[in-house]
């Protein structure tokens, strides 16, 4: 082999060694990249808190409430899809679906479960997990009497949140109804016998009715099919007013109830303003928007390490009277000026 050939061979060998080393380095870097990137992504995803949202209603009827929670979270720096994730589950007014939906959220290993519904939905979540923190909102009855928590000041266990005092407001709601419609004497009350809050609320309504000189008759509705039976009976009995509490069944069938009241020129009072927006005459209740926004406070405290047992359950501090003058005109009713002056919101 000539000297020139030897130099060429050595040079080729050096290039081959360099290529081999270069390929090895690149392959090693690529392997490290492929291993570390998924780990980094997984860590990033793991750091994003996951909130389970269990609603007793359907997405359409729950949208305003869930948006209020998202707004409250944004004000505290939590942006859905960026640094917080929310898993939504809707029972669509069917209590039997609650345990299964709660179990789904537990299997997803969410950090917190927010339950927007009454006592039975809270209880379904509580029976599913005693570890994951539960924030309740929209609870109408006393959570202590209902056996959900030990006390409002120190709930104990894994449940905290907000209650709406719907039962306590029943008497005031009927009193305002009487002021708005002075001629009423007989009031029909719709209720769902499956809800403890409704049973207790009826007692409050009956007590207030006695002091106001009103006669009250309650009509139970157990399923969506039961409304036609009750509507037929009310058409024959012709009461002077209709009292409608909340609850998933009555809320899901809200438009049917409002439509019946308008068609029969029947003044109606409701537990929430959505029914008045839909055409009901009036409502008196806690300000739901403020209460649902307040859920974000509990989410923030728990994510920062607070135990639900140490977070007192809050009662509403802001209430609102809403009157629909369009509905009043349609049923040929004149609302007294002094009642209108006290309304927080008037639909004209």
Protein backbone atom coordinates (compact mmCIF):
# COMPACT_ATOMS: atom_id res chain seq x y z
CA UNK A 1 0.00 0.00 0.00
CA UNK A 2 1.42 3.36 -0.99
CA UNK A 3 1.84 6.19 1.49
CA UNK A 4 -1.00 8.03 -0.19
CA UNK A 5 -3.29 5.02 0.13
CA UNK A 6 -2.36 4.63 3.78
CA UNK A 7 -3.17 8.28 4.50
CA UNK A 8 -6.53 7.89 2.73
CA UNK A 9 -7.39 4.76 4.72
CA UNK A 10 -6.48 6.41 8.02
CA UNK A 11 -8.53 9.46 7.11
CA UNK A 12 -11.52 7.28 6.23
CA UNK A 13 -11.20 5.42 9.48
CA UNK A 14 -11.14 8.68 11.45
CA UNK A 15 -14.25 9.92 9.64
CA UNK A 16 -15.96 6.61 10.35
CA UNK A 17 -15.06 6.83 14.00
CA UNK A 18 -16.30 10.42 14.15
CA UNK A 19 -19.56 9.44 12.42
CA UNK A 20 -20.01 6.52 14.76
CA UNK A 21 -19.34 8.67 17.81
CA UNK A 22 -21.55 11.46 16.45
CA UNK A 23 -24.38 9.03 15.74
CA UNK A 24 -24.02 7.53 19.19
CA UNK A 25 -24.18 10.94 20.83
CA UNK A 26 -27.20 11.97 18.77
CA UNK A 27 -28.94 8.68 19.46
CA UNK A 28 -28.19 9.04 23.14
CA UNK A 29 -29.53 12.60 23.19
CA UNK A 30 -32.63 11.52 21.28
CA UNK A 31 -33.24 8.69 23.71
CA UNK A 32 -32.83 11.03 26.68
CA UNK A 33 -35.21 13.51 25.04
CA UNK A 34 -37.83 10.85 24.36
CA UNK A 35 -37.62 9.65 27.94
CA UNK A 36 -37.57 13.00 29.70
CA UNK A 37 -40.21 14.90 27.69
CA UNK A 38 -43.11 12.54 28.54
CA UNK A 39 -41.96 12.57 32.17
CA UNK A 40 -41.93 16.36 32.17
CA UNK A 41 -45.34 16.47 30.53
CA UNK A 42 -46.69 13.96 33.00
CA UNK A 43 -45.35 15.99 35.90
CA UNK A 44 -46.88 19.13 34.42
CA UNK A 45 -50.26 17.43 33.97
CA UNK A 46 -50.08 16.00 37.48
CA UNK A 47 -49.52 19.46 38.89
CA UNK A 48 -52.77 20.76 37.36
CA UNK A 49 -55.53 20.33 39.99
CA UNK A 50 -58.59 18.42 38.81
CA UNK A 51 -62.01 19.39 40.10
CA UNK A 52 -64.98 17.06 39.79
CA UNK A 53 -68.27 18.89 39.28
CA UNK A 54 -71.38 16.83 40.07
CA UNK A 55 -74.62 18.61 39.18
CA UNK A 56 -78.16 17.47 39.94
CA UNK A 57 -79.33 19.25 36.76
CA UNK A 58 -78.42 19.20 33.06
CA UNK A 59 -75.75 21.35 31.33
CA UNK A 60 -78.22 23.97 30.05
CA UNK A 61 -79.85 24.62 33.42
CA UNK A 62 -76.54 24.46 35.25
CA UNK A 63 -74.60 26.75 32.90
CA UNK A 64 -75.15 30.01 34.81
CA UNK A 65 -74.10 28.40 38.11
CA UNK A 66 -71.01 26.67 36.72
CA UNK A 67 -70.00 29.90 34.96
CA UNK A 68 -70.22 31.72 38.30
CA UNK A 69 -67.79 29.17 39.75
CA UNK A 70 -65.41 29.59 36.81
CA UNK A 71 -65.56 33.37 37.26
CA UNK A 72 -64.72 33.01 40.94
CA UNK A 73 -61.81 30.73 40.09
CA UNK A 74 -60.48 33.17 37.48
CA UNK A 75 -60.50 35.96 40.06
CA UNK A 76 -58.22 33.79 42.20
CA UNK A 77 -55.91 32.98 39.30
CA UNK A 78 -57.29 29.58 38.27
CA UNK A 79 -57.98 29.36 34.52
CA UNK A 80 -59.83 26.27 33.31
CA UNK A 81 -57.78 24.46 30.71
CA UNK A 82 -54.54 26.14 31.81
CA UNK A 83 -53.77 25.64 35.48
CA UNK A 84 -56.93 23.85 36.57
CA UNK A 85 -59.11 21.15 35.00
CA UNK A 86 -62.81 20.50 35.65
CA UNK A 87 -64.59 17.20 35.01
CA UNK A 88 -68.35 17.77 34.63
CA UNK A 89 -71.00 15.17 35.41
CA UNK A 90 -74.76 15.86 35.19
CA UNK A 91 -77.50 13.77 36.83
CA UNK A 92 -80.23 15.55 34.78
CA UNK A 93 -82.63 15.51 37.71
CA UNK A 94 -82.30 11.74 38.23
CA UNK A 95 -81.17 10.97 41.76
CA UNK A 96 -80.46 7.32 40.93
CA UNK A 97 -77.61 8.48 38.68
CA UNK A 98 -75.81 10.34 41.47
CA UNK A 99 -73.89 7.40 43.01
CA UNK A 100 -72.57 6.24 39.65
CA UNK A 101 -71.48 9.72 38.59
CA UNK A 102 -69.79 10.31 41.94
CA UNK A 103 -67.96 6.99 41.54
CA UNK A 104 -66.75 8.08 38.09
CA UNK A 105 -65.18 11.20 39.58
CA UNK A 106 -63.51 9.16 42.31
CA UNK A 107 -62.03 6.80 39.71
CA UNK A 108 -60.63 9.84 37.89
CA UNK A 109 -58.78 10.70 41.11
CA UNK A 110 -59.97 14.30 41.18
CA UNK A 111 -58.58 16.51 43.93
CA UNK A 112 -61.96 17.98 44.95
CA UNK A 113 -65.61 17.19 44.21
CA UNK A 114 -68.02 20.12 43.98
CA UNK A 115 -71.62 18.96 44.38
CA UNK A 116 -74.30 21.35 43.08
CA UNK A 117 -77.53 19.89 44.41
CA UNK A 118 -79.50 19.02 47.52
CA UNK A 119 -78.85 16.69 50.40
CA UNK A 120 -79.37 13.40 48.50
CA UNK A 121 -76.67 14.32 45.97
CA UNK A 122 -74.28 15.35 48.74
CA UNK A 123 -74.97 12.09 50.52
CA UNK A 124 -74.29 10.10 47.34
CA UNK A 125 -70.86 11.73 47.05
CA UNK A 126 -70.18 11.26 50.76
CA UNK A 127 -71.04 7.56 50.55
CA UNK A 128 -68.65 7.20 47.61
CA UNK A 129 -65.59 8.76 49.22
CA UNK A 130 -64.56 9.74 52.73
CA UNK A 131 -61.15 10.96 51.54
CA UNK A 132 -61.62 13.37 48.62
CA UNK A 133 -62.75 16.82 49.85
CA UNK A 134 -66.37 17.63 48.96
CA UNK A 135 -67.61 21.21 48.53
CA UNK A 136 -71.40 21.46 48.64
CA UNK A 137 -73.43 24.31 47.16
CA UNK A 138 -77.15 24.71 46.58
CA UNK A 139 -78.11 22.74 49.67
CA UNK A 140 -81.55 23.91 50.75
CA UNK A 141 -81.95 22.16 54.09
CA UNK A 142 -79.82 22.28 57.22
CA UNK A 143 -76.76 20.06 56.56
CA UNK A 144 -76.42 19.41 60.30
CA UNK A 145 -80.02 18.19 60.68
CA UNK A 146 -79.57 16.21 57.49
CA UNK A 147 -76.61 14.33 58.97
CA UNK A 148 -74.14 15.57 56.38
CA UNK A 149 -71.85 17.40 58.83
CA UNK A 150 -71.45 17.68 62.60
CA UNK A 151 -71.71 21.48 62.78
CA UNK A 152 -71.58 24.55 60.57
CA UNK A 153 -68.54 25.94 62.41
CA UNK A 154 -66.56 22.70 62.29
CA UNK A 155 -68.06 20.34 59.71
CA UNK A 156 -65.70 17.42 60.43
CA UNK A 157 -65.16 14.72 57.84
CA UNK A 158 -64.51 15.66 54.20
CA UNK A 159 -67.48 17.99 53.54
CA UNK A 160 -67.73 21.78 53.66
CA UNK A 161 -69.28 24.51 51.49
CA UNK A 162 -72.41 26.65 51.41
CA UNK A 163 -76.09 26.27 52.28
CA UNK A 164 -78.98 28.35 50.90
CA UNK A 165 -81.44 28.41 53.84
CA UNK A 166 -84.36 27.64 51.52
CA UNK A 167 -86.48 26.25 54.33
CA UNK A 168 -85.86 29.25 56.57
CA UNK A 169 -86.80 31.63 53.74
CA UNK A 170 -90.11 29.86 53.00
CA UNK A 171 -92.15 32.00 55.38
CA UNK A 172 -90.66 35.25 54.10
CA UNK A 173 -91.23 34.11 50.52
CA UNK A 174 -94.93 33.48 51.22
CA UNK A 175 -95.23 36.80 53.05
CA UNK A 176 -93.86 38.70 50.04
CA UNK A 177 -96.18 36.71 47.78
CA UNK A 178 -99.15 37.83 49.85
CA UNK A 179 -97.98 41.46 49.66
CA UNK A 180 -97.55 41.27 45.89
CA UNK A 181 -100.94 39.55 45.40
CA UNK A 182 -103.15 40.88 48.25
CA UNK A 183 -106.25 39.00 47.10
CA UNK A 184 -104.81 35.48 47.38
CA UNK A 185 -106.50 33.22 49.91
CA UNK A 186 -105.72 29.67 48.75
CA UNK A 187 -102.19 28.63 47.75
CA UNK A 188 -101.18 25.37 46.07
CA UNK A 189 -97.70 24.08 46.89
CA UNK A 190 -95.85 21.68 44.59
CA UNK A 191 -93.25 19.42 46.18
CA UNK A 192 -91.09 16.37 45.58
CA UNK A 193 -91.62 13.88 48.46
CA UNK A 194 -88.19 12.38 47.82
CA UNK A 195 -86.55 15.57 49.09
CA UNK A 196 -86.34 16.08 52.84
CA UNK A 197 -85.97 19.81 52.29
CA UNK A 198 -89.36 19.97 50.56
CA UNK A 199 -91.09 18.19 53.44
CA UNK A 200 -89.59 20.60 55.95
CA UNK A 201 -90.27 23.59 53.72
CA UNK A 202 -93.96 22.72 53.53
CA UNK A 203 -94.16 22.89 57.32
CA UNK A 204 -92.65 26.37 57.23
CA UNK A 205 -95.11 27.44 54.52
CA UNK A 206 -98.06 26.07 56.50
CA UNK A 207 -96.91 27.88 59.62
CA UNK A 208 -96.53 31.18 57.74
CA UNK A 209 -99.89 30.66 56.03
CA UNK A 210 -101.68 30.45 59.36
CA UNK A 211 -100.30 33.80 60.47
CA UNK A 212 -101.15 35.35 57.09
CA UNK A 213 -104.69 33.94 57.01
CA UNK A 214 -104.02 31.76 53.99
CA UNK A 215 -105.10 28.21 53.19
CA UNK A 216 -102.40 25.92 51.83
CA UNK A 217 -102.76 22.60 50.03
CA UNK A 218 -99.71 20.58 48.98
CA UNK A 219 -99.47 18.51 45.80
CA UNK A 220 -96.73 15.89 45.47
CA UNK A 221 -94.99 15.27 42.17
CA UNK A 222 -92.72 12.22 42.04
CA UNK A 223 -91.85 12.01 38.33
CA UNK A 224 -92.07 14.11 35.20
CA UNK A 225 -95.21 12.20 34.22
CA UNK A 226 -96.92 13.31 37.43
CA UNK A 227 -97.26 16.94 36.42
CA UNK A 228 -100.21 16.43 34.10
CA UNK A 229 -102.16 14.79 36.94
CA UNK A 230 -101.44 17.70 39.26
CA UNK A 231 -102.17 20.31 36.58
CA UNK A 232 -105.53 18.69 35.87
CA UNK A 233 -106.43 18.74 39.57
CA UNK A 234 -105.34 22.37 39.96
CA UNK A 235 -107.41 23.39 36.95
CA UNK A 236 -110.48 22.05 38.72
CA UNK A 237 -109.62 23.40 42.16
CA UNK A 238 -108.62 26.88 40.95
CA UNK A 239 -106.29 28.09 43.74
CA UNK A 240 -105.35 31.78 43.96
CA UNK A 241 -101.59 31.23 43.92
CA UNK A 242 -98.88 28.67 43.28
CA UNK A 243 -95.81 28.16 45.49
CA UNK A 244 -92.93 26.28 43.83
CA UNK A 245 -89.76 25.25 45.73
CA UNK A 246 -86.55 24.25 43.97
CA UNK A 247 -85.11 20.77 43.55
CA UNK A 248 -83.99 18.94 40.39
CA UNK A 249 -87.41 17.54 39.42
CA UNK A 250 -89.24 20.86 39.66
CA UNK A 251 -86.35 22.77 38.12
CA UNK A 252 -86.09 20.35 35.20
CA UNK A 253 -89.81 20.86 34.55
CA UNK A 254 -89.70 24.59 35.25
CA UNK A 255 -90.98 25.67 31.82
CA UNK A 256 -93.99 23.35 32.11
CA UNK A 257 -94.88 24.81 35.51
CA UNK A 258 -94.44 28.41 34.34
CA UNK A 259 -96.45 27.72 31.21
CA UNK A 260 -99.31 26.24 33.23
CA UNK A 261 -99.35 29.22 35.60
CA UNK A 262 -99.41 31.75 32.76
CA UNK A 263 -102.08 29.88 30.81
CA UNK A 264 -104.34 29.75 33.87
CA UNK A 265 -103.52 33.31 35.00
CA UNK A 266 -102.20 31.89 38.24
CA UNK A 267 -99.77 34.07 40.26
CA UNK A 268 -96.70 32.03 41.14
CA UNK A 269 -93.73 32.40 43.47
CA UNK A 270 -90.49 30.44 43.10
CA UNK A 271 -87.34 29.57 44.95
CA UNK A 272 -84.97 30.76 42.23
CA UNK A 273 -84.83 33.61 39.75
CA UNK A 274 -84.36 31.35 36.70
CA UNK A 275 -88.06 30.51 36.94
CA UNK A 276 -88.90 34.23 36.90
CA UNK A 277 -86.64 34.71 33.89
CA UNK A 278 -88.66 31.96 32.22
CA UNK A 279 -91.98 33.74 32.87
CA UNK A 280 -92.80 33.12 36.53
CA UNK A 281 -94.21 36.03 38.52
CA UNK A 282 -91.70 36.40 41.37
CA UNK A 283 -88.99 34.78 43.46
CA UNK A 284 -87.22 35.39 46.74
CA UNK A 285 -84.03 33.54 47.61
CA UNK A 286 -80.35 33.79 48.33
CA UNK A 287 -78.29 35.35 45.55
CA UNK A 288 -77.14 32.19 43.76
CA UNK A 289 -74.48 33.92 41.68
CA UNK A 290 -72.69 35.21 44.76
CA UNK A 291 -72.93 31.81 46.48
CA UNK A 292 -71.62 29.86 43.49
CA UNK A 293 -68.74 32.29 43.02
CA UNK A 294 -67.88 31.70 46.66
CA UNK A 295 -67.18 28.04 45.84
CA UNK A 296 -63.86 29.22 44.40
CA UNK A 297 -62.76 30.34 47.86
CA UNK A 298 -63.16 26.79 49.19
CA UNK A 299 -61.38 25.31 46.17
CA UNK A 300 -58.44 27.67 46.68
CA UNK A 301 -58.17 27.00 50.43
CA UNK A 302 -58.29 23.22 50.00
CA UNK A 303 -55.76 23.20 47.15
CA UNK A 304 -53.45 25.20 49.41
CA UNK A 305 -53.67 22.56 52.12
CA UNK A 306 -56.70 23.42 54.26
CA UNK A 307 -58.81 20.50 55.48
CA UNK A 308 -62.57 20.63 54.76
CA UNK A 309 -63.23 19.87 58.42
CA UNK A 310 -61.58 23.17 59.38
CA UNK A 311 -63.51 25.35 56.88
CA UNK A 312 -66.84 26.58 58.33
CA UNK A 313 -69.96 26.15 56.23
CA UNK A 314 -71.23 29.53 55.10
CA UNK A 315 -74.81 30.74 54.99
CA UNK A 316 -75.96 33.34 52.45
CA UNK A 317 -75.70 37.01 53.33
CA UNK A 318 -77.30 38.47 50.21
CA UNK A 319 -80.91 37.82 49.16
CA UNK A 320 -82.88 39.05 46.17
CA UNK A 321 -86.50 39.68 45.31
CA UNK A 322 -87.15 39.39 41.57
CA UNK A 323 -90.46 40.39 39.96
CA UNK A 324 -91.55 39.83 36.36
CA UNK A 325 -93.87 42.64 35.26
CA UNK A 326 -94.34 41.01 31.86
CA UNK A 327 -95.80 37.97 33.59
CA UNK A 328 -97.94 40.20 35.84
CA UNK A 329 -99.39 41.92 32.78
CA UNK A 330 -100.05 38.59 31.08
CA UNK A 331 -102.08 37.29 34.04
CA UNK A 332 -103.72 40.71 34.48
CA UNK A 333 -102.20 41.47 37.85
CA UNK A 334 -101.04 44.82 39.21
CA UNK A 335 -98.11 44.62 41.63
CA UNK A 336 -98.40 47.20 44.46
CA UNK A 337 -95.81 50.02 44.11
CA UNK A 338 -94.39 49.44 47.59
CA UNK A 339 -93.52 45.83 46.65
CA UNK A 340 -91.95 46.90 43.36
CA UNK A 341 -89.84 49.45 45.22
CA UNK A 342 -88.35 46.65 47.34
CA UNK A 343 -87.49 44.43 44.38
CA UNK A 344 -83.80 43.91 43.65
CA UNK A 345 -84.57 43.21 40.01
CA UNK A 346 -87.64 43.91 37.90
CA UNK A 347 -88.21 42.31 34.49
CA UNK A 348 -90.19 44.77 32.36
